[in-house]
Amino acid sequence: MKTEMSEYNTQKPKLVLKEYGRNIQKLVEYMTSVEDDEKRNSYAAVLVDLMRQINPNIKESSEYNQKLWDDLFIMSDFKADINSPYPKPEEGILTKKPQRVGYNVNRIRYKHYGRNIELIIEKAISTEDPEEREAFVIYLGKLMKTFYASWNKEVVSDQVIIDHIKELSKNKLDIDPQKVKDENLFEILYKEKNTKPKKENTGKRGNNGKKRRRN
């Protein structure tokens, strides 16, 4: 039977931040109404400590501390006149829509090489030292041959890799194919492990399957 003393959740004011509970909400409202500046700021610091104790597993950090003070302002409907160690958050923070993440507009010529290969090629092109540039090309050849084999599950010739490097660099990078072949410069970086089956135990066994003991 409903009595005059009963208080149902549907009749209570809506919680601004449910994670802190109704008691914290009421304390924030009281703190906001305190006229004495010193007391109000003292109560605010105590409230932040209480809010921190509600989530004791969260590690201390400047970002988390700022979040606590921001939440205090939010629960006060941004009316709390307190000396926060952090800037007061904007009042539209709760309704502010996140910024849309733009699509990647970089077209990748060969997807199995990835965007990082193109970035390395750009770096190699900007390198003026011939030896350093050749080292870049050799490293590119190793990576690209490895990626090609992983993606297509087949062996690719060094000449194909050289052609791809020339194409992606717009003919600004090149290397002698014979040198690559003679010195095996484009050796694949990560070779698959050869998993051979274990050899069967060749020890002689008796009819009962146990090894015979020597007398």
C-alpha atoms as a PDB file:
ATOM      1  CA  MET A   1       0.000   0.000   0.000  1.00  0.00           C
ATOM      2  CA  LYS A   2       1.411   3.357  -0.982  1.00  0.00           C
ATOM      3  CA  THR A   3       2.011   5.772   1.865  1.00  0.00           C
ATOM      4  CA  GLU A   4       2.819   9.452   1.955  1.00  0.00           C
ATOM      5  CA  MET A   5       6.334   8.621   3.133  1.00  0.00           C
ATOM      6  CA  SER A   6       7.038   6.349   0.139  1.00  0.00           C
ATOM      7  CA  GLU A   7       9.370   7.712  -2.543  1.00  0.00           C
ATOM      8  CA  TYR A   8       9.542   5.952  -5.860  1.00  0.00           C
ATOM      9  CA  ASN A   9      12.320   6.305  -8.456  1.00  0.00           C
ATOM     10  CA  THR A  10       9.765   7.510 -11.002  1.00  0.00           C
ATOM     11  CA  GLN A  11       8.972  10.457  -8.743  1.00  0.00           C
ATOM     12  CA  LYS A  12      12.577  11.390  -8.057  1.00  0.00           C
ATOM     13  CA  PRO A  13      14.521  13.893 -10.174  1.00  0.00           C
ATOM     14  CA  LYS A  14      16.405  12.253 -13.027  1.00  0.00           C
ATOM     15  CA  LEU A  15      20.046  11.465 -12.259  1.00  0.00           C
ATOM     16  CA  VAL A  16      22.494  13.385 -14.409  1.00  0.00           C
ATOM     17  CA  LEU A  17      25.316  10.834 -14.093  1.00  0.00           C
ATOM     18  CA  LYS A  18      23.997   7.495 -12.882  1.00  0.00           C
ATOM     19  CA  GLU A  19      27.423   6.045 -12.088  1.00  0.00           C
ATOM     20  CA  TYR A  20      27.761   8.243  -8.998  1.00  0.00           C
ATOM     21  CA  GLY A  21      24.324   7.550  -7.522  1.00  0.00           C
ATOM     22  CA  ARG A  22      21.626   9.740  -6.011  1.00  0.00           C
ATOM     23  CA  ASN A  23      23.447  10.574  -2.768  1.00  0.00           C
ATOM     24  CA  ILE A  24      26.357  12.199  -4.622  1.00  0.00           C
ATOM     25  CA  GLN A  25      23.860  14.081  -6.775  1.00  0.00           C
ATOM     26  CA  LYS A  26      22.161  15.481  -3.665  1.00  0.00           C
ATOM     27  CA  LEU A  27      25.502  16.478  -2.136  1.00  0.00           C
ATOM     28  CA  VAL A  28      26.439  18.295  -5.337  1.00  0.00           C
ATOM     29  CA  GLU A  29      23.161  20.200  -5.249  1.00  0.00           C
ATOM     30  CA  TYR A  30      23.790  21.170  -1.637  1.00  0.00           C
ATOM     31  CA  MET A  31      27.396  22.184  -2.363  1.00  0.00           C
ATOM     32  CA  THR A  32      26.194  24.409  -5.208  1.00  0.00           C
ATOM     33  CA  SER A  33      23.756  26.194  -2.892  1.00  0.00           C
ATOM     34  CA  VAL A  34      26.390  27.051  -0.246  1.00  0.00           C
ATOM     35  CA  GLU A  35      27.028  30.797  -0.315  1.00  0.00           C
ATOM     36  CA  ASP A  36      30.352  30.884   1.514  1.00  0.00           C
ATOM     37  CA  ASP A  37      33.134  30.588  -1.065  1.00  0.00           C
ATOM     38  CA  GLU A  38      35.619  28.850   1.233  1.00  0.00           C
ATOM     39  CA  LYS A  39      33.115  26.241   2.403  1.00  0.00           C
ATOM     40  CA  ARG A  40      31.795  25.658  -1.109  1.00  0.00           C
ATOM     41  CA  ASN A  41      35.284  24.987  -2.474  1.00  0.00           C
ATOM     42  CA  SER A  42      36.099  22.781   0.501  1.00  0.00           C
ATOM     43  CA  TYR A  43      32.934  20.731  -0.089  1.00  0.00           C
ATOM     44  CA  ALA A  44      33.797  20.456  -3.791  1.00  0.00           C
ATOM     45  CA  ALA A  45      37.216  18.945  -2.998  1.00  0.00           C
ATOM     46  CA  VAL A  46      35.612  16.451  -0.601  1.00  0.00           C
ATOM     47  CA  LEU A  47      33.044  15.498  -3.239  1.00  0.00           C
ATOM     48  CA  VAL A  48      35.754  14.834  -5.809  1.00  0.00           C
ATOM     49  CA  ASP A  49      37.461  12.489  -3.323  1.00  0.00           C
ATOM     50  CA  LEU A  50      34.148  10.677  -2.735  1.00  0.00           C
ATOM     51  CA  MET A  51      33.598  10.330  -6.468  1.00  0.00           C
ATOM     52  CA  ARG A  52      37.115   8.901  -6.807  1.00  0.00           C
ATOM     53  CA  GLN A  53      36.389   6.289  -4.100  1.00  0.00           C
ATOM     54  CA  ILE A  54      33.391   5.049  -6.060  1.00  0.00           C
ATOM     55  CA  ASN A  55      35.789   3.788  -8.748  1.00  0.00           C
ATOM     56  CA  PRO A  56      38.873   2.721  -6.751  1.00  0.00           C
ATOM     57  CA  ASN A  57      40.195   0.430  -9.495  1.00  0.00           C
ATOM     58  CA  ILE A  58      40.822   3.272 -11.932  1.00  0.00           C
ATOM     59  CA  LYS A  59      44.462   4.360 -11.908  1.00  0.00           C
ATOM     60  CA  GLU A  60      45.286   7.917 -10.974  1.00  0.00           C
ATOM     61  CA  SER A  61      46.000  10.161 -13.946  1.00  0.00           C
ATOM     62  CA  SER A  62      45.606  13.799 -14.859  1.00  0.00           C
ATOM     63  CA  GLU A  63      42.919  12.839 -17.388  1.00  0.00           C
ATOM     64  CA  TYR A  64      40.905  10.957 -14.771  1.00  0.00           C
ATOM     65  CA  ASN A  65      41.228  13.768 -12.222  1.00  0.00           C
ATOM     66  CA  GLN A  66      39.993  16.253 -14.797  1.00  0.00           C
ATOM     67  CA  LYS A  67      37.070  13.957 -15.606  1.00  0.00           C
ATOM     68  CA  LEU A  68      36.023  13.982 -11.925  1.00  0.00           C
ATOM     69  CA  TRP A  69      35.969  17.781 -11.818  1.00  0.00           C
ATOM     70  CA  ASP A  70      34.148  17.903 -15.153  1.00  0.00           C
ATOM     71  CA  ASP A  71      31.537  15.475 -13.819  1.00  0.00           C
ATOM     72  CA  LEU A  72      31.124  17.668 -10.738  1.00  0.00           C
ATOM     73  CA  PHE A  73      30.311  20.652 -12.949  1.00  0.00           C
ATOM     74  CA  ILE A  74      27.951  18.533 -15.045  1.00  0.00           C
ATOM     75  CA  MET A  75      26.014  17.286 -11.994  1.00  0.00           C
ATOM     76  CA  SER A  76      25.652  20.885 -10.800  1.00  0.00           C
ATOM     77  CA  ASP A  77      24.146  21.797 -14.168  1.00  0.00           C
ATOM     78  CA  PHE A  78      27.265  23.960 -14.656  1.00  0.00           C
ATOM     79  CA  LYS A  79      26.098  26.273 -11.869  1.00  0.00           C
ATOM     80  CA  ALA A  80      28.794  25.417  -9.314  1.00  0.00           C
ATOM     81  CA  ASP A  81      30.999  28.446  -8.592  1.00  0.00           C
ATOM     82  CA  ILE A  82      34.154  26.590  -7.534  1.00  0.00           C
ATOM     83  CA  ASN A  83      37.898  26.876  -8.032  1.00  0.00           C
ATOM     84  CA  SER A  84      38.635  23.853 -10.183  1.00  0.00           C
ATOM     85  CA  PRO A  85      42.267  23.011 -11.078  1.00  0.00           C
ATOM     86  CA  TYR A  86      41.016  22.442 -14.629  1.00  0.00           C
ATOM     87  CA  PRO A  87      39.081  24.628 -17.076  1.00  0.00           C
ATOM     88  CA  LYS A  88      35.312  24.506 -16.735  1.00  0.00           C
ATOM     89  CA  PRO A  89      33.843  22.211 -19.414  1.00  0.00           C
ATOM     90  CA  GLU A  90      31.526  23.561 -22.065  1.00  0.00           C
ATOM     91  CA  GLU A  91      27.844  23.312 -21.202  1.00  0.00           C
ATOM     92  CA  GLY A  92      27.070  21.524 -24.457  1.00  0.00           C
ATOM     93  CA  ILE A  93      29.539  18.722 -23.751  1.00  0.00           C
ATOM     94  CA  LEU A  94      26.766  16.148 -23.117  1.00  0.00           C
ATOM     95  CA  THR A  95      24.930  16.878 -26.356  1.00  0.00           C
ATOM     96  CA  LYS A  96      27.999  17.527 -28.484  1.00  0.00           C
ATOM     97  CA  LYS A  97      28.245  15.066 -31.350  1.00  0.00           C
ATOM     98  CA  PRO A  98      31.604  13.409 -31.985  1.00  0.00           C
ATOM     99  CA  GLN A  99      33.500  14.543 -35.043  1.00  0.00           C
ATOM    100  CA  ARG A 100      33.091  12.326 -38.055  1.00  0.00           C
ATOM    101  CA  VAL A 101      36.143  10.314 -39.013  1.00  0.00           C
ATOM    102  CA  GLY A 102      36.998  10.944 -42.610  1.00  0.00           C
ATOM    103  CA  TYR A 103      37.509   8.111 -45.037  1.00  0.00           C
ATOM    104  CA  ASN A 104      40.987   7.240 -46.198  1.00  0.00           C
ATOM    105  CA  VAL A 105      41.297   8.878 -49.581  1.00  0.00           C
ATOM    106  CA  ASN A 106      44.720   7.391 -50.342  1.00  0.00           C
ATOM    107  CA  ARG A 107      44.360   4.881 -53.160  1.00  0.00           C
ATOM    108  CA  ILE A 108      46.713   1.951 -52.707  1.00  0.00           C
ATOM    109  CA  ARG A 109      47.943   0.525 -56.021  1.00  0.00           C
ATOM    110  CA  TYR A 110      48.784  -2.901 -54.608  1.00  0.00           C
ATOM    111  CA  LYS A 111      46.802  -3.721 -51.471  1.00  0.00           C
ATOM    112  CA  HIS A 112      49.051  -6.630 -50.478  1.00  0.00           C
ATOM    113  CA  TYR A 113      51.941  -4.180 -50.038  1.00  0.00           C
ATOM    114  CA  GLY A 114      49.966  -1.684 -47.982  1.00  0.00           C
ATOM    115  CA  ARG A 115      50.293   2.048 -47.455  1.00  0.00           C
ATOM    116  CA  ASN A 116      53.507   1.744 -45.401  1.00  0.00           C
ATOM    117  CA  ILE A 117      55.420   0.474 -48.433  1.00  0.00           C
ATOM    118  CA  GLU A 118      54.372   3.569 -50.370  1.00  0.00           C
ATOM    119  CA  LEU A 119      55.552   5.761 -47.482  1.00  0.00           C
ATOM    120  CA  ILE A 120      58.953   4.018 -47.483  1.00  0.00           C
ATOM    121  CA  ILE A 121      59.173   4.575 -51.237  1.00  0.00           C
ATOM    122  CA  GLU A 122      58.486   8.277 -50.739  1.00  0.00           C
ATOM    123  CA  LYS A 123      61.247   8.377 -48.119  1.00  0.00           C
ATOM    124  CA  ALA A 124      63.655   6.575 -50.446  1.00  0.00           C
ATOM    125  CA  ILE A 125      62.914   9.008 -53.281  1.00  0.00           C
ATOM    126  CA  SER A 126      63.741  11.956 -51.036  1.00  0.00           C
ATOM    127  CA  THR A 127      67.094  10.408 -50.101  1.00  0.00           C
ATOM    128  CA  GLU A 128      69.972  11.950 -52.030  1.00  0.00           C
ATOM    129  CA  ASP A 129      72.805   9.618 -50.963  1.00  0.00           C
ATOM    130  CA  PRO A 130      73.103   6.820 -53.615  1.00  0.00           C
ATOM    131  CA  GLU A 131      74.209   4.135 -51.150  1.00  0.00           C
ATOM    132  CA  GLU A 132      71.423   4.961 -48.717  1.00  0.00           C
ATOM    133  CA  ARG A 133      68.901   4.984 -51.548  1.00  0.00           C
ATOM    134  CA  GLU A 134      70.080   1.556 -52.729  1.00  0.00           C
ATOM    135  CA  ALA A 135      69.774   0.274 -49.139  1.00  0.00           C
ATOM    136  CA  PHE A 136      66.180   1.520 -49.152  1.00  0.00           C
ATOM    137  CA  VAL A 137      65.479  -0.313 -52.425  1.00  0.00           C
ATOM    138  CA  ILE A 138      66.971  -3.559 -51.071  1.00  0.00           C
ATOM    139  CA  TYR A 139      64.903  -3.288 -47.903  1.00  0.00           C
ATOM    140  CA  LEU A 140      61.807  -2.543 -49.998  1.00  0.00           C
ATOM    141  CA  GLY A 141      62.516  -5.579 -52.162  1.00  0.00           C
ATOM    142  CA  LYS A 142      62.756  -7.866 -49.132  1.00  0.00           C
ATOM    143  CA  LEU A 143      59.536  -6.521 -47.625  1.00  0.00           C
ATOM    144  CA  MET A 144      57.555  -6.552 -50.853  1.00  0.00           C
ATOM    145  CA  LYS A 145      58.664 -10.066 -51.748  1.00  0.00           C
ATOM    146  CA  THR A 146      57.679 -11.236 -48.265  1.00  0.00           C
ATOM    147  CA  PHE A 147      54.272  -9.524 -48.420  1.00  0.00           C
ATOM    148  CA  TYR A 148      53.632 -10.846 -51.932  1.00  0.00           C
ATOM    149  CA  ALA A 149      54.379 -14.420 -50.872  1.00  0.00           C
ATOM    150  CA  SER A 150      52.185 -14.123 -47.764  1.00  0.00           C
ATOM    151  CA  TRP A 151      49.264 -12.629 -49.692  1.00  0.00           C
ATOM    152  CA  ASN A 152      49.343 -14.724 -52.878  1.00  0.00           C
ATOM    153  CA  LYS A 153      50.843 -17.911 -51.417  1.00  0.00           C
ATOM    154  CA  GLU A 154      53.261 -18.188 -54.321  1.00  0.00           C
ATOM    155  CA  VAL A 155      56.845 -17.332 -55.176  1.00  0.00           C
ATOM    156  CA  VAL A 156      57.424 -14.118 -57.105  1.00  0.00           C
ATOM    157  CA  SER A 157      60.454 -13.327 -59.230  1.00  0.00           C
ATOM    158  CA  ASP A 158      62.866 -10.553 -58.319  1.00  0.00           C
ATOM    159  CA  GLN A 159      62.129  -8.873 -61.651  1.00  0.00           C
ATOM    160  CA  VAL A 160      58.433  -8.510 -60.777  1.00  0.00           C
ATOM    161  CA  ILE A 161      59.366  -6.847 -57.481  1.00  0.00           C
ATOM    162  CA  ILE A 162      61.788  -4.506 -59.272  1.00  0.00           C
ATOM    163  CA  ASP A 163      59.061  -3.595 -61.780  1.00  0.00           C
ATOM    164  CA  HIS A 164      56.640  -2.855 -58.934  1.00  0.00           C
ATOM    165  CA  ILE A 165      59.204  -0.648 -57.190  1.00  0.00           C
ATOM    166  CA  LYS A 166      59.759   1.281 -60.418  1.00  0.00           C
ATOM    167  CA  GLU A 167      56.013   1.622 -60.965  1.00  0.00           C
ATOM    168  CA  LEU A 168      55.220   2.779 -57.431  1.00  0.00           C
ATOM    169  CA  SER A 169      58.137   5.222 -57.451  1.00  0.00           C
ATOM    170  CA  LYS A 170      57.229   6.511 -60.931  1.00  0.00           C
ATOM    171  CA  ASN A 171      60.578   5.282 -62.277  1.00  0.00           C
ATOM    172  CA  LYS A 172      62.556   7.177 -59.635  1.00  0.00           C
ATOM    173  CA  LEU A 173      63.885   4.016 -57.947  1.00  0.00           C
ATOM    174  CA  ASP A 174      65.713   1.215 -59.684  1.00  0.00           C
ATOM    175  CA  ILE A 175      68.348  -1.464 -59.085  1.00  0.00           C
ATOM    176  CA  ASP A 176      70.412  -3.797 -61.232  1.00  0.00           C
ATOM    177  CA  PRO A 177      68.468  -7.097 -61.588  1.00  0.00           C
ATOM    178  CA  GLN A 178      71.673  -9.100 -62.054  1.00  0.00           C
ATOM    179  CA  LYS A 179      73.100  -7.740 -58.797  1.00  0.00           C
ATOM    180  CA  VAL A 180      69.908  -8.661 -56.993  1.00  0.00           C
ATOM    181  CA  LYS A 181      70.091 -12.200 -58.373  1.00  0.00           C
ATOM    182  CA  ASP A 182      73.816 -12.756 -57.768  1.00  0.00           C
ATOM    183  CA  GLU A 183      73.755 -11.466 -54.178  1.00  0.00           C
ATOM    184  CA  ASN A 184      70.244 -12.689 -53.349  1.00  0.00           C
ATOM    185  CA  LEU A 185      69.375  -9.181 -52.141  1.00  0.00           C
ATOM    186  CA  PHE A 186      65.608  -9.728 -52.078  1.00  0.00           C
ATOM    187  CA  GLU A 187      65.683 -12.761 -49.823  1.00  0.00           C
ATOM    188  CA  ILE A 188      62.343 -13.185 -48.038  1.00  0.00           C
ATOM    189  CA  LEU A 189      62.516 -11.852 -44.479  1.00  0.00           C
ATOM    190  CA  TYR A 190      60.241 -14.338 -42.739  1.00  0.00           C
ATOM    191  CA  LYS A 191      60.352 -17.888 -43.969  1.00  0.00           C
ATOM    192  CA  GLU A 192      57.783 -20.418 -42.866  1.00  0.00           C
ATOM    193  CA  LYS A 193      59.069 -22.874 -40.326  1.00  0.00           C
ATOM    194  CA  ASN A 194      59.606 -26.358 -41.660  1.00  0.00           C
ATOM    195  CA  THR A 195      57.531 -28.544 -39.387  1.00  0.00           C
ATOM    196  CA  LYS A 196      58.702 -32.096 -39.994  1.00  0.00           C
ATOM    197  CA  PRO A 197      56.851 -34.985 -38.341  1.00  0.00           C
ATOM    198  CA  LYS A 198      58.638 -36.528 -35.417  1.00  0.00           C
ATOM    199  CA  LYS A 199      60.536 -39.706 -36.132  1.00  0.00           C
ATOM    200  CA  GLU A 200      58.992 -42.854 -34.809  1.00  0.00           C
ATOM    201  CA  ASN A 201      60.749 -44.536 -31.943  1.00  0.00           C
ATOM    202  CA  THR A 202      62.744 -47.387 -33.473  1.00  0.00           C
ATOM    203  CA  GLY A 203      63.483 -49.127 -30.183  1.00  0.00           C
ATOM    204  CA  LYS A 204      62.693 -52.857 -30.353  1.00  0.00           C
ATOM    205  CA  ARG A 205      59.673 -53.877 -28.364  1.00  0.00           C
ATOM    206  CA  GLY A 206      58.399 -57.192 -27.216  1.00  0.00           C
ATOM    207  CA  ASN A 207      55.065 -58.717 -28.068  1.00  0.00           C
ATOM    208  CA  ASN A 208      53.417 -56.781 -25.248  1.00  0.00           C
ATOM    209  CA  GLY A 209      54.534 -53.456 -26.767  1.00  0.00           C
ATOM    210  CA  LYS A 210      57.243 -52.755 -24.130  1.00  0.00           C
ATOM    211  CA  LYS A 211      60.917 -52.274 -24.860  1.00  0.00           C
ATOM    212  CA  ARG A 212      63.023 -55.349 -24.377  1.00  0.00           C
ATOM    213  CA  ARG A 213      65.521 -55.146 -21.589  1.00  0.00           C
ATOM    214  CA  ARG A 214      69.059 -56.321 -22.124  1.00  0.00           C
ATOM    215  CA  ASN A 215      70.232 -58.986 -19.747  1.00  0.00           C
END
